[in-house]
PDB file of all heavy atoms in Angstrom:
ATOM      1  N   LEU A   1      58.198  89.313 110.576  1.00  0.00           N
ATOM      2  CA  LEU A   1      57.892  88.098 109.845  1.00  0.00           C
ATOM      3  C   LEU A   1      56.609  87.440 110.249  1.00  0.00           C
ATOM      4  O   LEU A   1      55.955  86.791 109.511  1.00  0.00           O
ATOM      5  CB  LEU A   1      59.032  87.141 109.910  1.00  0.00           C
ATOM      6  CG  LEU A   1      60.299  87.378 109.051  1.00  0.00           C
ATOM      7  CD1 LEU A   1      61.455  86.368 109.341  1.00  0.00           C
ATOM      8  CD2 LEU A   1      59.987  87.470 107.615  1.00  0.00           C
ATOM      9  N   MET A   2      56.204  87.657 111.561  1.00  0.00           N
ATOM     10  CA  MET A   2      55.013  87.162 112.093  1.00  0.00           C
ATOM     11  C   MET A   2      53.823  88.105 111.794  1.00  0.00           C
ATOM     12  O   MET A   2      52.716  87.620 111.452  1.00  0.00           O
ATOM     13  CB  MET A   2      55.109  86.912 113.513  1.00  0.00           C
ATOM     14  CG  MET A   2      56.045  85.819 114.014  1.00  0.00           C
ATOM     15  SD  MET A   2      55.229  84.177 114.107  1.00  0.00           S
ATOM     16  CE  MET A   2      53.780  84.530 114.973  1.00  0.00           C
ATOM     17  N   THR A   3      53.962  89.365 112.043  1.00  0.00           N
ATOM     18  CA  THR A   3      52.884  90.296 111.968  1.00  0.00           C
ATOM     19  C   THR A   3      52.359  90.722 110.580  1.00  0.00           C
ATOM     20  O   THR A   3      51.240  90.839 110.333  1.00  0.00           O
ATOM     21  CB  THR A   3      53.126  91.580 112.784  1.00  0.00           C
ATOM     22  OG1 THR A   3      54.347  92.139 112.306  1.00  0.00           O
ATOM     23  CG2 THR A   3      53.224  91.218 114.245  1.00  0.00           C
ATOM     24  N   TRP A   4      53.350  90.813 109.611  1.00  0.00           N
ATOM     25  CA  TRP A   4      52.908  91.245 108.315  1.00  0.00           C
ATOM     26  C   TRP A   4      52.060  90.203 107.646  1.00  0.00           C
ATOM     27  O   TRP A   4      50.993  90.535 107.079  1.00  0.00           O
ATOM     28  CB  TRP A   4      54.206  91.626 107.455  1.00  0.00           C
ATOM     29  CG  TRP A   4      54.550  93.001 107.774  1.00  0.00           C
ATOM     30  CD1 TRP A   4      55.579  93.411 108.531  1.00  0.00           C
ATOM     31  CD2 TRP A   4      53.945  94.210 107.238  1.00  0.00           C
ATOM     32  NE1 TRP A   4      55.590  94.776 108.585  1.00  0.00           N
ATOM     33  CE2 TRP A   4      54.605  95.274 107.798  1.00  0.00           C
ATOM     34  CE3 TRP A   4      52.843  94.422 106.383  1.00  0.00           C
ATOM     35  CZ2 TRP A   4      54.232  96.552 107.526  1.00  0.00           C
ATOM     36  CZ3 TRP A   4      52.472  95.722 106.163  1.00  0.00           C
ATOM     37  CH2 TRP A   4      53.140  96.727 106.669  1.00  0.00           C
ATOM     38  N   PRO A   5      52.402  88.912 107.670  1.00  0.00           N
ATOM     39  CA  PRO A   5      51.493  87.882 107.115  1.00  0.00           C
ATOM     40  C   PRO A   5      50.161  87.965 107.869  1.00  0.00           C
ATOM     41  O   PRO A   5      49.105  87.710 107.279  1.00  0.00           O
ATOM     42  CB  PRO A   5      52.176  86.558 107.305  1.00  0.00           C
ATOM     43  CG  PRO A   5      53.649  87.000 107.283  1.00  0.00           C
ATOM     44  CD  PRO A   5      53.698  88.260 107.994  1.00  0.00           C
ATOM     45  N   MET A   6      50.233  88.148 109.195  1.00  0.00           N
ATOM     46  CA  MET A   6      48.938  88.126 109.976  1.00  0.00           C
ATOM     47  C   MET A   6      48.073  89.284 109.494  1.00  0.00           C
ATOM     48  O   MET A   6      46.931  89.099 109.300  1.00  0.00           O
ATOM     49  CB  MET A   6      49.329  88.329 111.473  1.00  0.00           C
ATOM     50  CG  MET A   6      48.048  88.278 112.332  1.00  0.00           C
ATOM     51  SD  MET A   6      48.304  88.576 114.113  1.00  0.00           S
ATOM     52  CE  MET A   6      49.957  88.110 114.484  1.00  0.00           C
ATOM     53  N   MET A   7      48.673  90.478 109.226  1.00  0.00           N
ATOM     54  CA  MET A   7      47.812  91.601 108.839  1.00  0.00           C
ATOM     55  C   MET A   7      47.322  91.430 107.331  1.00  0.00           C
ATOM     56  O   MET A   7      46.250  91.720 107.059  1.00  0.00           O
ATOM     57  CB  MET A   7      48.677  92.844 108.927  1.00  0.00           C
ATOM     58  CG  MET A   7      48.822  93.260 110.372  1.00  0.00           C
ATOM     59  SD  MET A   7      49.592  94.915 110.560  1.00  0.00           S
ATOM     60  CE  MET A   7      51.320  94.594 110.047  1.00  0.00           C
ATOM     61  N   LEU A   8      48.213  90.793 106.555  1.00  0.00           N
ATOM     62  CA  LEU A   8      47.810  90.725 105.094  1.00  0.00           C
ATOM     63  C   LEU A   8      46.790  89.581 104.952  1.00  0.00           C
ATOM     64  O   LEU A   8      45.833  89.745 104.133  1.00  0.00           O
ATOM     65  CB  LEU A   8      49.064  90.403 104.276  1.00  0.00           C
ATOM     66  CG  LEU A   8      50.033  91.566 104.124  1.00  0.00           C
ATOM     67  CD1 LEU A   8      51.227  91.137 103.358  1.00  0.00           C
ATOM     68  CD2 LEU A   8      49.353  92.657 103.277  1.00  0.00           C
ATOM     69  N   LEU A   9      46.936  88.536 105.609  1.00  0.00           N
ATOM     70  CA  LEU A   9      46.092  87.290 105.363  1.00  0.00           C
ATOM     71  C   LEU A   9      44.912  87.119 106.324  1.00  0.00           C
ATOM     72  O   LEU A   9      44.180  86.221 106.176  1.00  0.00           O
ATOM     73  CB  LEU A   9      46.961  86.054 105.389  1.00  0.00           C
ATOM     74  CG  LEU A   9      48.033  85.984 104.354  1.00  0.00           C
ATOM     75  CD1 LEU A   9      48.835  84.665 104.573  1.00  0.00           C
ATOM     76  CD2 LEU A   9      47.431  85.931 102.947  1.00  0.00           C
ATOM     77  N   SER A  10      44.758  88.118 107.275  1.00  0.00           N
ATOM     78  CA  SER A  10      43.628  87.786 108.224  1.00  0.00           C
ATOM     79  C   SER A  10      42.391  88.612 107.812  1.00  0.00           C
ATOM     80  O   SER A  10      41.393  88.476 108.432  1.00  0.00           O
ATOM     81  CB  SER A  10      44.121  88.337 109.643  1.00  0.00           C
ATOM     82  OG  SER A  10      44.369  89.688 109.613  1.00  0.00           O
ATOM     83  N   GLY A  11      42.576  89.483 106.763  1.00  0.00           N
ATOM     84  CA  GLY A  11      41.396  90.251 106.267  1.00  0.00           C
ATOM     85  C   GLY A  11      41.163  91.516 107.041  1.00  0.00           C
ATOM     86  O   GLY A  11      40.019  92.163 106.987  1.00  0.00           O
ATOM     87  N   ILE A  12      42.199  92.090 107.740  1.00  0.00           N
ATOM     88  CA  ILE A  12      42.045  93.390 108.386  1.00  0.00           C
ATOM     89  C   ILE A  12      41.915  94.496 107.423  1.00  0.00           C
ATOM     90  O   ILE A  12      41.107  95.367 107.543  1.00  0.00           O
ATOM     91  CB  ILE A  12      43.209  93.527 109.388  1.00  0.00           C
ATOM     92  CG1 ILE A  12      43.116  92.605 110.542  1.00  0.00           C
ATOM     93  CG2 ILE A  12      43.229  94.942 109.872  1.00  0.00           C
ATOM     94  CD1 ILE A  12      44.310  92.645 111.460  1.00  0.00           C
ATOM     95  N   TRP A  13      42.789  94.540 106.441  1.00  0.00           N
ATOM     96  CA  TRP A  13      42.863  95.627 105.487  1.00  0.00           C
ATOM     97  C   TRP A  13      41.812  95.480 104.309  1.00  0.00           C
ATOM     98  O   TRP A  13      41.400  96.500 103.765  1.00  0.00           O
ATOM     99  CB  TRP A  13      44.315  95.824 104.935  1.00  0.00           C
ATOM    100  CG  TRP A  13      45.159  96.248 105.998  1.00  0.00           C
ATOM    101  CD1 TRP A  13      44.927  96.990 107.123  1.00  0.00           C
ATOM    102  CD2 TRP A  13      46.572  96.073 106.036  1.00  0.00           C
ATOM    103  NE1 TRP A  13      46.040  97.267 107.838  1.00  0.00           N
ATOM    104  CE2 TRP A  13      47.112  96.760 107.153  1.00  0.00           C
ATOM    105  CE3 TRP A  13      47.454  95.486 105.220  1.00  0.00           C
ATOM    106  CZ2 TRP A  13      48.384  96.705 107.467  1.00  0.00           C
ATOM    107  CZ3 TRP A  13      48.825  95.467 105.528  1.00  0.00           C
ATOM    108  CH2 TRP A  13      49.291  96.125 106.665  1.00  0.00           C
ATOM    109  N   TYR A  14      41.594  94.308 103.934  1.00  0.00           N
ATOM    110  CA  TYR A  14      40.660  94.088 102.794  1.00  0.00           C
ATOM    111  C   TYR A  14      40.044  92.736 102.898  1.00  0.00           C
ATOM    112  O   TYR A  14      40.478  91.816 103.633  1.00  0.00           O
ATOM    113  CB  TYR A  14      41.533  94.157 101.431  1.00  0.00           C
ATOM    114  CG  TYR A  14      42.685  93.197 101.433  1.00  0.00           C
ATOM    115  CD1 TYR A  14      42.569  91.836 101.054  1.00  0.00           C
ATOM    116  CD2 TYR A  14      43.882  93.652 101.839  1.00  0.00           C
ATOM    117  CE1 TYR A  14      43.650  91.041 101.000  1.00  0.00           C
ATOM    118  CE2 TYR A  14      45.067  92.794 101.833  1.00  0.00           C
ATOM    119  CZ  TYR A  14      44.876  91.496 101.469  1.00  0.00           C
ATOM    120  OH  TYR A  14      45.977  90.707 101.419  1.00  0.00           O
ATOM    121  N   SER A  15      38.923  92.576 102.150  1.00  0.00           N
ATOM    122  CA  SER A  15      38.210  91.250 102.245  1.00  0.00           C
ATOM    123  C   SER A  15      38.960  90.184 101.525  1.00  0.00           C
ATOM    124  O   SER A  15      39.575  90.365 100.496  1.00  0.00           O
ATOM    125  CB  SER A  15      36.830  91.499 101.602  1.00  0.00           C
ATOM    126  OG  SER A  15      36.086  90.244 101.530  1.00  0.00           O
ATOM    127  N   LEU A  16      38.864  88.967 102.168  1.00  0.00           N
ATOM    128  CA  LEU A  16      39.499  87.825 101.525  1.00  0.00           C
ATOM    129  C   LEU A  16      38.483  86.884 100.804  1.00  0.00           C
ATOM    130  O   LEU A  16      38.896  85.827 100.427  1.00  0.00           O
ATOM    131  CB  LEU A  16      40.255  87.081 102.588  1.00  0.00           C
ATOM    132  CG  LEU A  16      41.465  87.720 103.179  1.00  0.00           C
ATOM    133  CD1 LEU A  16      42.087  86.881 104.324  1.00  0.00           C
ATOM    134  CD2 LEU A  16      42.500  87.999 102.127  1.00  0.00           C
ATOM    135  N   GLU A  17      37.297  87.379 100.636  1.00  0.00           N
ATOM    136  CA  GLU A  17      36.405  86.602  99.832  1.00  0.00           C
ATOM    137  C   GLU A  17      36.779  86.496  98.409  1.00  0.00           C
ATOM    138  O   GLU A  17      37.182  87.458  97.851  1.00  0.00           O
ATOM    139  CB  GLU A  17      34.967  87.218  99.976  1.00  0.00           C
ATOM    140  CG  GLU A  17      34.357  87.099 101.342  1.00  0.00           C
ATOM    141  CD  GLU A  17      32.910  87.439 101.301  1.00  0.00           C
ATOM    142  OE1 GLU A  17      32.267  87.207 100.260  1.00  0.00           O
ATOM    143  OE2 GLU A  17      32.339  87.661 102.389  1.00  0.00           O
ATOM    144  N   GLY A  18      36.791  85.299  97.921  1.00  0.00           N
ATOM    145  CA  GLY A  18      37.296  85.046  96.478  1.00  0.00           C
ATOM    146  C   GLY A  18      38.759  84.858  96.398  1.00  0.00           C
ATOM    147  O   GLY A  18      39.285  84.750  95.336  1.00  0.00           O
ATOM    148  N   SER A  19      39.453  84.842  97.548  1.00  0.00           N
ATOM    149  CA  SER A  19      40.904  84.588  97.579  1.00  0.00           C
ATOM    150  C   SER A  19      41.096  83.145  97.390  1.00  0.00           C
ATOM    151  O   SER A  19      40.294  82.255  97.526  1.00  0.00           O
ATOM    152  CB  SER A  19      41.544  85.140  98.793  1.00  0.00           C
ATOM    153  OG  SER A  19      40.967  84.397  99.948  1.00  0.00           O
ATOM    154  N   PRO A  20      42.364  82.790  96.955  1.00  0.00           N
ATOM    155  CA  PRO A  20      42.688  81.398  96.784  1.00  0.00           C
ATOM    156  C   PRO A  20      42.470  80.553  98.016  1.00  0.00           C
ATOM    157  O   PRO A  20      42.487  81.129  99.179  1.00  0.00           O
ATOM    158  CB  PRO A  20      44.238  81.423  96.427  1.00  0.00           C
ATOM    159  CG  PRO A  20      44.362  82.771  95.859  1.00  0.00           C
ATOM    160  CD  PRO A  20      43.479  83.700  96.566  1.00  0.00           C
ATOM    161  N   ILE A  21      42.240  79.311  97.939  1.00  0.00           N
ATOM    162  CA  ILE A  21      42.047  78.411  99.051  1.00  0.00           C
ATOM    163  C   ILE A  21      43.090  78.486 100.058  1.00  0.00           C
ATOM    164  O   ILE A  21      42.769  78.433 101.348  1.00  0.00           O
ATOM    165  CB  ILE A  21      41.753  76.995  98.630  1.00  0.00           C
ATOM    166  CG1 ILE A  21      40.506  76.907  97.701  1.00  0.00           C
ATOM    167  CG2 ILE A  21      41.668  76.005  99.735  1.00  0.00           C
ATOM    168  CD1 ILE A  21      40.273  75.627  97.038  1.00  0.00           C
ATOM    169  N   GLY A  22      44.271  78.538  99.690  1.00  0.00           N
ATOM    170  CA  GLY A  22      45.499  78.678 100.619  1.00  0.00           C
ATOM    171  C   GLY A  22      45.361  79.886 101.562  1.00  0.00           C
ATOM    172  O   GLY A  22      45.594  79.806 102.663  1.00  0.00           O
ATOM    173  N   CYS A  23      44.901  81.044 100.928  1.00  0.00           N
ATOM    174  CA  CYS A  23      44.811  82.201 101.795  1.00  0.00           C
ATOM    175  C   CYS A  23      43.567  82.049 102.751  1.00  0.00           C
ATOM    176  O   CYS A  23      43.736  82.486 103.861  1.00  0.00           O
ATOM    177  CB  CYS A  23      44.645  83.412 100.885  1.00  0.00           C
ATOM    178  SG  CYS A  23      46.042  83.906  99.968  1.00  0.00           S
ATOM    179  N   ALA A  24      42.521  81.561 102.187  1.00  0.00           N
ATOM    180  CA  ALA A  24      41.284  81.410 103.001  1.00  0.00           C
ATOM    181  C   ALA A  24      41.555  80.413 104.232  1.00  0.00           C
ATOM    182  O   ALA A  24      41.092  80.688 105.276  1.00  0.00           O
ATOM    183  CB  ALA A  24      40.196  80.885 102.159  1.00  0.00           C
ATOM    184  N   SER A  25      42.321  79.370 103.995  1.00  0.00           N
ATOM    185  CA  SER A  25      42.536  78.425 105.064  1.00  0.00           C
ATOM    186  C   SER A  25      43.604  78.944 106.038  1.00  0.00           C
ATOM    187  O   SER A  25      43.523  78.663 107.228  1.00  0.00           O
ATOM    188  CB  SER A  25      42.817  77.030 104.513  1.00  0.00           C
ATOM    189  OG  SER A  25      44.136  77.138 103.851  1.00  0.00           O
ATOM    190  N   SER A  26      44.582  79.700 105.552  1.00  0.00           N
ATOM    191  CA  SER A  26      45.632  80.203 106.488  1.00  0.00           C
ATOM    192  C   SER A  26      45.083  81.232 107.429  1.00  0.00           C
ATOM    193  O   SER A  26      45.626  81.443 108.456  1.00  0.00           O
ATOM    194  CB  SER A  26      46.855  80.711 105.668  1.00  0.00           C
ATOM    195  OG  SER A  26      46.548  81.834 104.935  1.00  0.00           O
ATOM    196  N   ARG A  27      44.126  81.979 106.999  1.00  0.00           N
ATOM    197  CA  ARG A  27      43.629  83.132 107.808  1.00  0.00           C
ATOM    198  C   ARG A  27      42.932  82.584 109.129  1.00  0.00           C
ATOM    199  O   ARG A  27      42.860  83.337 110.036  1.00  0.00           O
ATOM    200  CB  ARG A  27      42.684  83.978 107.094  1.00  0.00           C
ATOM    201  CG  ARG A  27      41.393  83.320 106.741  1.00  0.00           C
ATOM    202  CD  ARG A  27      40.429  84.296 106.043  1.00  0.00           C
ATOM    203  NE  ARG A  27      39.220  83.671 105.729  1.00  0.00           N
ATOM    204  CZ  ARG A  27      38.335  84.169 105.009  1.00  0.00           C
ATOM    205  NH1 ARG A  27      38.520  85.344 104.487  1.00  0.00           N
ATOM    206  NH2 ARG A  27      37.142  83.510 104.807  1.00  0.00           N
ATOM    207  N   ARG A  28      42.545  81.420 109.178  1.00  0.00           N
ATOM    208  CA  ARG A  28      41.897  80.836 110.389  1.00  0.00           C
ATOM    209  C   ARG A  28      42.885  80.764 111.524  1.00  0.00           C
ATOM    210  O   ARG A  28      42.450  80.800 112.637  1.00  0.00           O
ATOM    211  CB  ARG A  28      41.385  79.433 110.117  1.00  0.00           C
ATOM    212  CG  ARG A  28      40.136  79.522 109.231  1.00  0.00           C
ATOM    213  CD  ARG A  28      39.401  78.185 109.134  1.00  0.00           C
ATOM    214  NE  ARG A  28      38.113  78.361 108.577  1.00  0.00           N
ATOM    215  CZ  ARG A  28      37.831  78.161 107.304  1.00  0.00           C
ATOM    216  NH1 ARG A  28      38.829  77.601 106.567  1.00  0.00           N
ATOM    217  NH2 ARG A  28      36.725  78.351 106.851  1.00  0.00           N
ATOM    218  N   CYS A  29      44.242  80.688 111.221  1.00  0.00           N
ATOM    219  CA  CYS A  29      45.160  80.558 112.369  1.00  0.00           C
ATOM    220  C   CYS A  29      45.606  81.948 112.927  1.00  0.00           C
ATOM    221  O   CYS A  29      46.252  81.971 113.931  1.00  0.00           O
ATOM    222  CB  CYS A  29      46.415  79.801 111.904  1.00  0.00           C
ATOM    223  SG  CYS A  29      47.371  80.618 110.720  1.00  0.00           S
ATOM    224  N   PHE A  30      45.132  82.975 112.283  1.00  0.00           N
ATOM    225  CA  PHE A  30      45.503  84.326 112.849  1.00  0.00           C
ATOM    226  C   PHE A  30      44.498  84.898 113.852  1.00  0.00           C
ATOM    227  O   PHE A  30      43.317  84.994 113.537  1.00  0.00           O
ATOM    228  CB  PHE A  30      45.688  85.311 111.676  1.00  0.00           C
ATOM    229  CG  PHE A  30      46.763  84.935 110.770  1.00  0.00           C
ATOM    230  CD1 PHE A  30      46.551  84.804 109.404  1.00  0.00           C
ATOM    231  CD2 PHE A  30      48.095  84.760 111.213  1.00  0.00           C
ATOM    232  CE1 PHE A  30      47.549  84.463 108.520  1.00  0.00           C
ATOM    233  CE2 PHE A  30      49.065  84.351 110.318  1.00  0.00           C
ATOM    234  CZ  PHE A  30      48.879  84.242 109.032  1.00  0.00           C
ATOM    235  N   ARG A  31      44.955  85.187 114.979  1.00  0.00           N
ATOM    236  CA  ARG A  31      44.099  85.706 116.057  1.00  0.00           C
ATOM    237  C   ARG A  31      43.461  87.044 115.728  1.00  0.00           C
ATOM    238  O   ARG A  31      42.323  87.318 116.186  1.00  0.00           O
ATOM    239  CB  ARG A  31      44.933  85.766 117.371  1.00  0.00           C
ATOM    240  CG  ARG A  31      44.132  85.934 118.542  1.00  0.00           C
ATOM    241  CD  ARG A  31      43.310  84.777 118.868  1.00  0.00           C
ATOM    242  NE  ARG A  31      42.343  85.051 119.916  1.00  0.00           N
ATOM    243  CZ  ARG A  31      41.128  84.648 119.932  1.00  0.00           C
ATOM    244  NH1 ARG A  31      40.637  84.007 118.872  1.00  0.00           N
ATOM    245  NH2 ARG A  31      40.245  84.984 120.817  1.00  0.00           N
ATOM    246  N   SER A  32      44.146  87.870 115.047  1.00  0.00           N
ATOM    247  CA  SER A  32      43.637  89.153 114.711  1.00  0.00           C
ATOM    248  C   SER A  32      42.414  89.122 113.918  1.00  0.00           C
ATOM    249  O   SER A  32      41.537  90.026 113.925  1.00  0.00           O
ATOM    250  CB  SER A  32      44.690  90.024 114.029  1.00  0.00           C
ATOM    251  OG  SER A  32      45.142  89.357 112.808  1.00  0.00           O
ATOM    252  N   ARG A  33      42.154  88.056 113.114  1.00  0.00           N
ATOM    253  CA  ARG A  33      40.965  87.872 112.268  1.00  0.00           C
ATOM    254  C   ARG A  33      39.658  87.944 113.151  1.00  0.00           C
ATOM    255  O   ARG A  33      38.711  88.516 112.872  1.00  0.00           O
ATOM    256  CB  ARG A  33      41.027  86.599 111.486  1.00  0.00           C
ATOM    257  CG  ARG A  33      39.758  86.345 110.733  1.00  0.00           C
ATOM    258  CD  ARG A  33      39.882  84.986 110.090  1.00  0.00           C
ATOM    259  NE  ARG A  33      39.906  83.907 111.042  1.00  0.00           N
ATOM    260  CZ  ARG A  33      38.896  83.307 111.595  1.00  0.00           C
ATOM    261  NH1 ARG A  33      37.685  83.648 111.334  1.00  0.00           N
ATOM    262  NH2 ARG A  33      39.136  82.369 112.463  1.00  0.00           N
ATOM    263  N   THR A  34      39.809  87.220 114.313  1.00  0.00           N
ATOM    264  CA  THR A  34      38.549  87.042 115.123  1.00  0.00           C
ATOM    265  C   THR A  34      38.189  88.396 115.825  1.00  0.00           C
ATOM    266  O   THR A  34      37.033  88.823 115.837  1.00  0.00           O
ATOM    267  CB  THR A  34      38.807  85.981 116.252  1.00  0.00           C
ATOM    268  OG1 THR A  34      39.907  86.374 117.022  1.00  0.00           O
ATOM    269  CG2 THR A  34      38.992  84.668 115.689  1.00  0.00           C
ATOM    270  N   PHE A  35      39.182  89.151 116.135  1.00  0.00           N
ATOM    271  CA  PHE A  35      38.944  90.500 116.749  1.00  0.00           C
ATOM    272  C   PHE A  35      38.418  91.476 115.733  1.00  0.00           C
ATOM    273  O   PHE A  35      37.489  92.290 116.044  1.00  0.00           O
ATOM    274  CB  PHE A  35      40.210  91.047 117.470  1.00  0.00           C
ATOM    275  CG  PHE A  35      40.544  90.283 118.818  1.00  0.00           C
ATOM    276  CD1 PHE A  35      41.549  89.416 118.787  1.00  0.00           C
ATOM    277  CD2 PHE A  35      39.677  90.264 119.858  1.00  0.00           C
ATOM    278  CE1 PHE A  35      41.943  88.736 119.873  1.00  0.00           C
ATOM    279  CE2 PHE A  35      39.963  89.521 120.966  1.00  0.00           C
ATOM    280  CZ  PHE A  35      41.106  88.700 120.964  1.00  0.00           C
ATOM    281  N   SER A  36      38.948  91.421 114.568  1.00  0.00           N
ATOM    282  CA  SER A  36      38.505  92.383 113.492  1.00  0.00           C
ATOM    283  C   SER A  36      37.120  92.048 113.033  1.00  0.00           C
ATOM    284  O   SER A  36      36.266  92.824 112.730  1.00  0.00           O
ATOM    285  CB  SER A  36      39.441  92.430 112.325  1.00  0.00           C
ATOM    286  OG  SER A  36      39.506  91.130 111.712  1.00  0.00           O
ATOM    287  N   ASN A  37      36.763  90.710 112.953  1.00  0.00           N
ATOM    288  CA  ASN A  37      35.417  90.321 112.679  1.00  0.00           C
ATOM    289  C   ASN A  37      34.447  90.797 113.719  1.00  0.00           C
ATOM    290  O   ASN A  37      33.358  91.224 113.415  1.00  0.00           O
ATOM    291  CB  ASN A  37      35.294  88.759 112.527  1.00  0.00           C
ATOM    292  CG  ASN A  37      35.953  88.284 111.243  1.00  0.00           C
ATOM    293  OD1 ASN A  37      36.287  89.108 110.375  1.00  0.00           O
ATOM    294  ND2 ASN A  37      36.139  87.000 111.164  1.00  0.00           N
ATOM    295  N   ALA A  38      34.782  90.647 114.957  1.00  0.00           N
ATOM    296  CA  ALA A  38      33.902  91.058 116.060  1.00  0.00           C
ATOM    297  C   ALA A  38      33.768  92.565 116.045  1.00  0.00           C
ATOM    298  O   ALA A  38      32.597  93.085 116.233  1.00  0.00           O
ATOM    299  CB  ALA A  38      34.522  90.637 117.383  1.00  0.00           C
ATOM    300  N   ALA A  39      34.838  93.268 115.794  1.00  0.00           N
ATOM    301  CA  ALA A  39      34.757  94.814 115.801  1.00  0.00           C
ATOM    302  C   ALA A  39      33.884  95.245 114.617  1.00  0.00           C
ATOM    303  O   ALA A  39      33.049  96.147 114.786  1.00  0.00           O
ATOM    304  CB  ALA A  39      36.093  95.366 115.736  1.00  0.00           C
TER     305      ALA A  39
END
């Protein structure tokens, strides 16, 4: 329940540009986003 939303909403698998505001703001709380952006 923790990891699936993290993978879906953090932008690891696909870009979240143009996604609804709720998705864009929720991805900031996922740690995996920062590592995927850096990689």
